[in-house]
Amino acid sequence: MPLLRMSVRWWALTLSLALFAVASPLAAQTAWSLGPFVGAYRAMGSFEQASIYDTDLPYTPQALNGNAWGAEARAWFGGRWGAQLQVSSSSSTIGPTISPGGPTRSRTANVQLATAQALYNILLPQSPGRLWLGAGLGAVRHVGNAYANYGSPVNLAGVVGLGVSLPIMQHVSATAGATGAFYFYNLAMPPMYALNPGSMERGRQADVLFHVGLAWRWR
């Protein structure tokens, strides 16, 4: 529970700061939407060879694959250009492993993603729905008891996105999309291994979030 409360506070602070940063320039815009989504997180990267392997950590990035949930907010500057804030969290369980000290316990791991993207609507402005491409920056945070000794590392990522929204009611749209985060993951050596000159988990990562949801629209 302390970890959950810490995660909630971290995401609340991240979203609040992001909203504050963009609220003033977007205040005069006409189209807004906000809504939740569910989806799937998939890690496409790999780890380089390390000098130390901790049995608490995932052996490959793919061990972090899992179901995801989150929320996103969008504002459109007329018919073509827009901005989007998105936060998500995925959950996975890393199974027990056999080590020289005996079998290890199962560990939980979460990948949390916060992104800000500029959007371009491909469809004509008069179309009832929107189909967009996006690009921007994001932060990727690894948490859970698998990372208890590593301080929940956070990495800055370049982000691209693809999304679509179709109106299904007067103020409600169905949404779907994919978000890709690209970054170099380099897990810092913890104090207990401070005298080791080598490295731990590191490598180029490509994380993809597939999602579907609903959005409430207003002006």
C-alpha atoms as a PDB file:
ATOM      1  CA  MET A   1       0.000   0.000   0.000  1.00  0.00           C
ATOM      2  CA  PRO A   2       2.782   2.570   0.672  1.00  0.00           C
ATOM      3  CA  LEU A   3       4.083   1.896  -2.862  1.00  0.00           C
ATOM      4  CA  LEU A   4       0.590   2.383  -4.319  1.00  0.00           C
ATOM      5  CA  ARG A   5       0.130   5.669  -2.460  1.00  0.00           C
ATOM      6  CA  MET A   6       3.539   6.859  -3.621  1.00  0.00           C
ATOM      7  CA  SER A   7       2.715   5.959  -7.227  1.00  0.00           C
ATOM      8  CA  VAL A   8      -0.640   7.766  -7.076  1.00  0.00           C
ATOM      9  CA  ARG A   9       1.018  10.891  -5.645  1.00  0.00           C
ATOM     10  CA  TRP A  10       3.750  10.768  -8.299  1.00  0.00           C
ATOM     11  CA  TRP A  11       1.246  10.538 -11.156  1.00  0.00           C
ATOM     12  CA  ALA A  12      -1.009  13.209  -9.647  1.00  0.00           C
ATOM     13  CA  LEU A  13       1.932  15.604  -9.380  1.00  0.00           C
ATOM     14  CA  THR A  14       3.110  14.810 -12.928  1.00  0.00           C
ATOM     15  CA  LEU A  15      -0.337  15.371 -14.444  1.00  0.00           C
ATOM     16  CA  SER A  16      -0.966  18.529 -12.400  1.00  0.00           C
ATOM     17  CA  LEU A  17       2.312  20.115 -13.485  1.00  0.00           C
ATOM     18  CA  ALA A  18       1.700  19.186 -17.114  1.00  0.00           C
ATOM     19  CA  LEU A  19      -1.839  20.573 -17.069  1.00  0.00           C
ATOM     20  CA  PHE A  20      -0.642  23.797 -15.443  1.00  0.00           C
ATOM     21  CA  ALA A  21       2.054  24.186 -18.106  1.00  0.00           C
ATOM     22  CA  VAL A  22      -0.387  23.930 -21.013  1.00  0.00           C
ATOM     23  CA  ALA A  23      -3.583  25.357 -19.497  1.00  0.00           C
ATOM     24  CA  SER A  24      -2.911  29.034 -20.330  1.00  0.00           C
ATOM     25  CA  PRO A  25      -2.096  28.688 -24.043  1.00  0.00           C
ATOM     26  CA  LEU A  26      -4.918  26.202 -24.559  1.00  0.00           C
ATOM     27  CA  ALA A  27      -7.589  28.123 -22.669  1.00  0.00           C
ATOM     28  CA  ALA A  28      -8.910  29.844 -25.796  1.00  0.00           C
ATOM     29  CA  GLN A  29      -9.273  26.647 -27.811  1.00  0.00           C
ATOM     30  CA  THR A  30     -12.648  25.233 -28.726  1.00  0.00           C
ATOM     31  CA  ALA A  31     -12.463  21.429 -28.521  1.00  0.00           C
ATOM     32  CA  TRP A  32     -11.455  19.379 -25.491  1.00  0.00           C
ATOM     33  CA  SER A  33     -11.761  15.713 -24.566  1.00  0.00           C
ATOM     34  CA  LEU A  34     -10.933  13.634 -21.516  1.00  0.00           C
ATOM     35  CA  GLY A  35     -11.368   9.948 -20.800  1.00  0.00           C
ATOM     36  CA  PRO A  36     -10.052   6.618 -19.523  1.00  0.00           C
ATOM     37  CA  PHE A  37      -8.687   3.672 -21.481  1.00  0.00           C
ATOM     38  CA  VAL A  38      -7.561   0.078 -21.076  1.00  0.00           C
ATOM     39  CA  GLY A  39      -4.964  -1.708 -23.133  1.00  0.00           C
ATOM     40  CA  ALA A  40      -1.803  -3.761 -23.317  1.00  0.00           C
ATOM     41  CA  TYR A  41       1.829  -2.803 -22.740  1.00  0.00           C
ATOM     42  CA  ARG A  42       4.484  -4.546 -24.821  1.00  0.00           C
ATOM     43  CA  ALA A  43       8.270  -4.131 -24.467  1.00  0.00           C
ATOM     44  CA  MET A  44      10.161  -4.562 -27.755  1.00  0.00           C
ATOM     45  CA  GLY A  45      13.723  -3.789 -26.638  1.00  0.00           C
ATOM     46  CA  SER A  46      16.526  -5.901 -25.203  1.00  0.00           C
ATOM     47  CA  PHE A  47      19.216  -5.763 -22.517  1.00  0.00           C
ATOM     48  CA  GLU A  48      22.927  -5.740 -23.189  1.00  0.00           C
ATOM     49  CA  GLN A  49      25.179  -8.211 -21.410  1.00  0.00           C
ATOM     50  CA  ALA A  50      25.633  -7.160 -17.779  1.00  0.00           C
ATOM     51  CA  SER A  51      28.329  -7.845 -15.215  1.00  0.00           C
ATOM     52  CA  ILE A  52      25.771  -8.373 -12.414  1.00  0.00           C
ATOM     53  CA  TYR A  53      22.382 -10.078 -12.656  1.00  0.00           C
ATOM     54  CA  ASP A  54      19.929  -9.499  -9.815  1.00  0.00           C
ATOM     55  CA  THR A  55      17.312 -12.257  -9.551  1.00  0.00           C
ATOM     56  CA  ASP A  56      14.745  -9.684  -8.370  1.00  0.00           C
ATOM     57  CA  LEU A  57      14.855  -7.912 -11.740  1.00  0.00           C
ATOM     58  CA  PRO A  58      13.234  -8.991 -15.022  1.00  0.00           C
ATOM     59  CA  TYR A  59      15.634 -11.081 -17.091  1.00  0.00           C
ATOM     60  CA  THR A  60      14.337  -9.528 -20.331  1.00  0.00           C
ATOM     61  CA  PRO A  61      12.165  -6.440 -20.995  1.00  0.00           C
ATOM     62  CA  GLN A  62       9.423  -8.772 -22.263  1.00  0.00           C
ATOM     63  CA  ALA A  63       8.913 -10.033 -18.698  1.00  0.00           C
ATOM     64  CA  LEU A  64       7.244  -6.648 -18.057  1.00  0.00           C
ATOM     65  CA  ASN A  65       4.500  -7.171 -20.654  1.00  0.00           C
ATOM     66  CA  GLY A  66       1.055  -6.847 -19.131  1.00  0.00           C
ATOM     67  CA  ASN A  67      -2.370  -5.274 -19.112  1.00  0.00           C
ATOM     68  CA  ALA A  68      -2.537  -1.495 -18.835  1.00  0.00           C
ATOM     69  CA  TRP A  69      -4.968   1.231 -17.863  1.00  0.00           C
ATOM     70  CA  GLY A  70      -4.776   5.006 -17.938  1.00  0.00           C
ATOM     71  CA  ALA A  71      -6.291   8.304 -19.007  1.00  0.00           C
ATOM     72  CA  GLU A  72      -5.694  10.938 -21.645  1.00  0.00           C
ATOM     73  CA  ALA A  73      -6.714  14.539 -22.294  1.00  0.00           C
ATOM     74  CA  ARG A  74      -6.709  16.295 -25.679  1.00  0.00           C
ATOM     75  CA  ALA A  75      -7.251  19.829 -26.920  1.00  0.00           C
ATOM     76  CA  TRP A  76      -7.658  20.728 -30.602  1.00  0.00           C
ATOM     77  CA  PHE A  77      -6.608  24.045 -32.118  1.00  0.00           C
ATOM     78  CA  GLY A  78      -9.259  24.127 -34.798  1.00  0.00           C
ATOM     79  CA  GLY A  79      -9.464  21.167 -37.140  1.00  0.00           C
ATOM     80  CA  ARG A  80      -5.854  20.086 -37.711  1.00  0.00           C
ATOM     81  CA  TRP A  81      -3.535  20.642 -34.759  1.00  0.00           C
ATOM     82  CA  GLY A  82      -3.860  19.464 -31.199  1.00  0.00           C
ATOM     83  CA  ALA A  83      -2.058  18.460 -28.000  1.00  0.00           C
ATOM     84  CA  GLN A  84      -2.412  15.400 -25.809  1.00  0.00           C
ATOM     85  CA  LEU A  85      -1.434  14.404 -22.279  1.00  0.00           C
ATOM     86  CA  GLN A  86      -1.504  10.698 -21.462  1.00  0.00           C
ATOM     87  CA  VAL A  87      -0.692   8.649 -18.355  1.00  0.00           C
ATOM     88  CA  SER A  88      -0.769   4.873 -18.022  1.00  0.00           C
ATOM     89  CA  SER A  89       0.306   2.026 -15.769  1.00  0.00           C
ATOM     90  CA  SER A  90       0.857  -1.619 -16.651  1.00  0.00           C
ATOM     91  CA  SER A  91       1.242  -4.553 -14.259  1.00  0.00           C
ATOM     92  CA  SER A  92       3.167  -7.803 -14.507  1.00  0.00           C
ATOM     93  CA  THR A  93       4.411 -10.574 -12.264  1.00  0.00           C
ATOM     94  CA  ILE A  94       7.939 -11.927 -12.600  1.00  0.00           C
ATOM     95  CA  GLY A  95       7.863 -15.592 -11.705  1.00  0.00           C
ATOM     96  CA  PRO A  96      10.219 -17.332  -9.268  1.00  0.00           C
ATOM     97  CA  THR A  97      13.706 -18.201 -10.480  1.00  0.00           C
ATOM     98  CA  ILE A  98      16.387 -20.653  -9.382  1.00  0.00           C
ATOM     99  CA  SER A  99      19.601 -19.095  -8.090  1.00  0.00           C
ATOM    100  CA  PRO A 100      22.681 -20.388  -6.207  1.00  0.00           C
ATOM    101  CA  GLY A 101      20.972 -19.303  -3.017  1.00  0.00           C
ATOM    102  CA  GLY A 102      17.819 -21.248  -3.833  1.00  0.00           C
ATOM    103  CA  PRO A 103      14.491 -20.381  -5.489  1.00  0.00           C
ATOM    104  CA  THR A 104      13.372 -16.749  -5.389  1.00  0.00           C
ATOM    105  CA  ARG A 105       9.864 -15.472  -4.777  1.00  0.00           C
ATOM    106  CA  SER A 106       7.544 -13.976  -7.402  1.00  0.00           C
ATOM    107  CA  ARG A 107       7.898 -10.207  -7.783  1.00  0.00           C
ATOM    108  CA  THR A 108       5.519  -7.518  -9.012  1.00  0.00           C
ATOM    109  CA  ALA A 109       6.614  -4.917 -11.557  1.00  0.00           C
ATOM    110  CA  ASN A 110       4.858  -1.905 -13.046  1.00  0.00           C
ATOM    111  CA  VAL A 111       5.778   0.330 -15.954  1.00  0.00           C
ATOM    112  CA  GLN A 112       4.271   3.814 -15.696  1.00  0.00           C
ATOM    113  CA  LEU A 113       4.276   6.142 -18.692  1.00  0.00           C
ATOM    114  CA  ALA A 114       3.500   9.868 -18.864  1.00  0.00           C
ATOM    115  CA  THR A 115       3.612  11.607 -22.253  1.00  0.00           C
ATOM    116  CA  ALA A 116       2.930  14.963 -23.862  1.00  0.00           C
ATOM    117  CA  GLN A 117       2.422  14.987 -27.625  1.00  0.00           C
ATOM    118  CA  ALA A 118       1.670  17.450 -30.413  1.00  0.00           C
ATOM    119  CA  LEU A 119      -1.024  16.025 -32.726  1.00  0.00           C
ATOM    120  CA  TYR A 120      -1.866  16.401 -36.400  1.00  0.00           C
ATOM    121  CA  ASN A 121      -5.315  15.366 -37.628  1.00  0.00           C
ATOM    122  CA  ILE A 122      -5.099  13.538 -40.972  1.00  0.00           C
ATOM    123  CA  LEU A 123      -8.834  13.702 -41.721  1.00  0.00           C
ATOM    124  CA  LEU A 124     -10.595  16.741 -43.151  1.00  0.00           C
ATOM    125  CA  PRO A 125     -11.608  19.263 -40.457  1.00  0.00           C
ATOM    126  CA  GLN A 126     -15.310  18.768 -41.244  1.00  0.00           C
ATOM    127  CA  SER A 127     -15.108  14.990 -40.670  1.00  0.00           C
ATOM    128  CA  PRO A 128     -17.116  13.768 -37.644  1.00  0.00           C
ATOM    129  CA  GLY A 129     -14.147  11.810 -36.283  1.00  0.00           C
ATOM    130  CA  ARG A 130     -10.409  12.358 -36.097  1.00  0.00           C
ATOM    131  CA  LEU A 131      -7.399  10.270 -37.111  1.00  0.00           C
ATOM    132  CA  TRP A 132      -4.113  11.675 -35.874  1.00  0.00           C
ATOM    133  CA  LEU A 133      -0.373  11.253 -35.705  1.00  0.00           C
ATOM    134  CA  GLY A 134       1.521  12.473 -32.659  1.00  0.00           C
ATOM    135  CA  ALA A 135       5.061  13.120 -31.455  1.00  0.00           C
ATOM    136  CA  GLY A 136       6.544  14.435 -28.231  1.00  0.00           C
ATOM    137  CA  LEU A 137       8.336  13.518 -25.018  1.00  0.00           C
ATOM    138  CA  GLY A 138       7.581  11.222 -22.122  1.00  0.00           C
ATOM    139  CA  ALA A 139       8.829   9.775 -18.849  1.00  0.00           C
ATOM    140  CA  VAL A 140       8.980   6.014 -18.228  1.00  0.00           C
ATOM    141  CA  ARG A 141       9.027   4.872 -14.593  1.00  0.00           C
ATOM    142  CA  HIS A 142       9.700   1.312 -13.387  1.00  0.00           C
ATOM    143  CA  VAL A 143       8.240   0.466  -9.976  1.00  0.00           C
ATOM    144  CA  GLY A 144       7.154  -2.536  -7.919  1.00  0.00           C
ATOM    145  CA  ASN A 145       8.971  -4.780  -5.465  1.00  0.00           C
ATOM    146  CA  ALA A 146      11.190  -6.030  -8.313  1.00  0.00           C
ATOM    147  CA  TYR A 147      12.808  -2.562  -8.166  1.00  0.00           C
ATOM    148  CA  ALA A 148      12.765  -2.142  -4.383  1.00  0.00           C
ATOM    149  CA  ASN A 149      16.564  -1.800  -4.244  1.00  0.00           C
ATOM    150  CA  TYR A 150      16.794   0.580  -7.205  1.00  0.00           C
ATOM    151  CA  GLY A 151      14.664   3.582  -6.315  1.00  0.00           C
ATOM    152  CA  SER A 152      12.025   3.342  -9.077  1.00  0.00           C
ATOM    153  CA  PRO A 153      14.176   4.488 -12.034  1.00  0.00           C
ATOM    154  CA  VAL A 154      12.751   7.095 -14.427  1.00  0.00           C
ATOM    155  CA  ASN A 155      13.906   7.548 -18.049  1.00  0.00           C
ATOM    156  CA  LEU A 156      13.194  10.357 -20.519  1.00  0.00           C
ATOM    157  CA  ALA A 157      11.792   9.032 -23.804  1.00  0.00           C
ATOM    158  CA  GLY A 158      10.978  10.227 -27.280  1.00  0.00           C
ATOM    159  CA  VAL A 159       7.335   9.428 -28.076  1.00  0.00           C
ATOM    160  CA  VAL A 160       5.276   8.849 -31.217  1.00  0.00           C
ATOM    161  CA  GLY A 161       1.581   8.064 -31.374  1.00  0.00           C
ATOM    162  CA  LEU A 162      -1.328   7.113 -33.599  1.00  0.00           C
ATOM    163  CA  GLY A 163      -4.945   7.549 -32.590  1.00  0.00           C
ATOM    164  CA  VAL A 164      -8.524   7.700 -33.739  1.00  0.00           C
ATOM    165  CA  SER A 165     -11.780   8.953 -32.220  1.00  0.00           C
ATOM    166  CA  LEU A 166     -15.313   8.386 -33.497  1.00  0.00           C
ATOM    167  CA  PRO A 167     -18.403  10.031 -31.988  1.00  0.00           C
ATOM    168  CA  ILE A 168     -20.919   7.532 -30.585  1.00  0.00           C
ATOM    169  CA  MET A 169     -23.111   9.958 -28.585  1.00  0.00           C
ATOM    170  CA  GLN A 170     -23.578  13.715 -28.443  1.00  0.00           C
ATOM    171  CA  HIS A 171     -20.606  14.298 -26.140  1.00  0.00           C
ATOM    172  CA  VAL A 172     -18.948  10.872 -26.108  1.00  0.00           C
ATOM    173  CA  SER A 173     -16.433   9.339 -28.519  1.00  0.00           C
ATOM    174  CA  ALA A 174     -14.879   5.907 -28.775  1.00  0.00           C
ATOM    175  CA  THR A 175     -11.083   6.066 -28.971  1.00  0.00           C
ATOM    176  CA  ALA A 176      -8.248   3.731 -29.911  1.00  0.00           C
ATOM    177  CA  GLY A 177      -4.560   4.152 -30.496  1.00  0.00           C
ATOM    178  CA  ALA A 178      -0.974   3.170 -29.936  1.00  0.00           C
ATOM    179  CA  THR A 179       1.845   5.026 -28.195  1.00  0.00           C
ATOM    180  CA  GLY A 180       5.516   4.167 -28.664  1.00  0.00           C
ATOM    181  CA  ALA A 181       8.240   5.299 -26.234  1.00  0.00           C
ATOM    182  CA  PHE A 182      11.901   5.066 -27.245  1.00  0.00           C
ATOM    183  CA  TYR A 183      14.696   5.490 -24.699  1.00  0.00           C
ATOM    184  CA  PHE A 184      17.969   4.111 -23.382  1.00  0.00           C
ATOM    185  CA  TYR A 185      17.500   2.234 -20.125  1.00  0.00           C
ATOM    186  CA  ASN A 186      20.527   2.192 -17.823  1.00  0.00           C
ATOM    187  CA  LEU A 187      19.867   0.876 -14.324  1.00  0.00           C
ATOM    188  CA  ALA A 188      22.147   2.579 -11.813  1.00  0.00           C
ATOM    189  CA  MET A 189      24.396   0.409  -9.665  1.00  0.00           C
ATOM    190  CA  PRO A 190      22.894   0.253  -6.142  1.00  0.00           C
ATOM    191  CA  PRO A 191      25.031   1.048  -3.063  1.00  0.00           C
ATOM    192  CA  MET A 192      25.437  -2.640  -2.192  1.00  0.00           C
ATOM    193  CA  TYR A 193      27.346  -3.120  -5.474  1.00  0.00           C
ATOM    194  CA  ALA A 194      29.156   0.227  -5.373  1.00  0.00           C
ATOM    195  CA  LEU A 195      32.631  -1.355  -5.675  1.00  0.00           C
ATOM    196  CA  ASN A 196      31.730  -3.248  -8.843  1.00  0.00           C
ATOM    197  CA  PRO A 197      33.028  -1.385 -11.935  1.00  0.00           C
ATOM    198  CA  GLY A 198      30.613  -3.087 -14.344  1.00  0.00           C
ATOM    199  CA  SER A 199      26.998  -2.488 -15.267  1.00  0.00           C
ATOM    200  CA  MET A 200      23.525  -3.816 -14.598  1.00  0.00           C
ATOM    201  CA  GLU A 201      20.505  -3.886 -16.907  1.00  0.00           C
ATOM    202  CA  ARG A 202      20.880  -1.489 -19.811  1.00  0.00           C
ATOM    203  CA  GLY A 203      19.902  -1.255 -23.445  1.00  0.00           C
ATOM    204  CA  ARG A 204      17.784   0.532 -26.032  1.00  0.00           C
ATOM    205  CA  GLN A 205      14.079   0.160 -25.355  1.00  0.00           C
ATOM    206  CA  ALA A 206      10.980   0.467 -27.522  1.00  0.00           C
ATOM    207  CA  ASP A 207       7.845   0.274 -25.375  1.00  0.00           C
ATOM    208  CA  VAL A 208       4.454   0.179 -27.090  1.00  0.00           C
ATOM    209  CA  LEU A 209       1.083   0.838 -25.456  1.00  0.00           C
ATOM    210  CA  PHE A 210      -2.045  -0.299 -27.343  1.00  0.00           C
ATOM    211  CA  HIS A 211      -5.295   1.083 -25.938  1.00  0.00           C
ATOM    212  CA  VAL A 212      -9.042   1.575 -26.416  1.00  0.00           C
ATOM    213  CA  GLY A 213     -11.334   3.800 -24.409  1.00  0.00           C
ATOM    214  CA  LEU A 214     -13.970   6.517 -24.195  1.00  0.00           C
ATOM    215  CA  ALA A 215     -13.646  10.292 -24.273  1.00  0.00           C
ATOM    216  CA  TRP A 216     -16.043  12.995 -23.107  1.00  0.00           C
ATOM    217  CA  ARG A 217     -16.009  16.054 -25.391  1.00  0.00           C
ATOM    218  CA  TRP A 218     -16.801  19.663 -24.620  1.00  0.00           C
ATOM    219  CA  ARG A 219     -15.967  23.160 -25.836  1.00  0.00           C
END
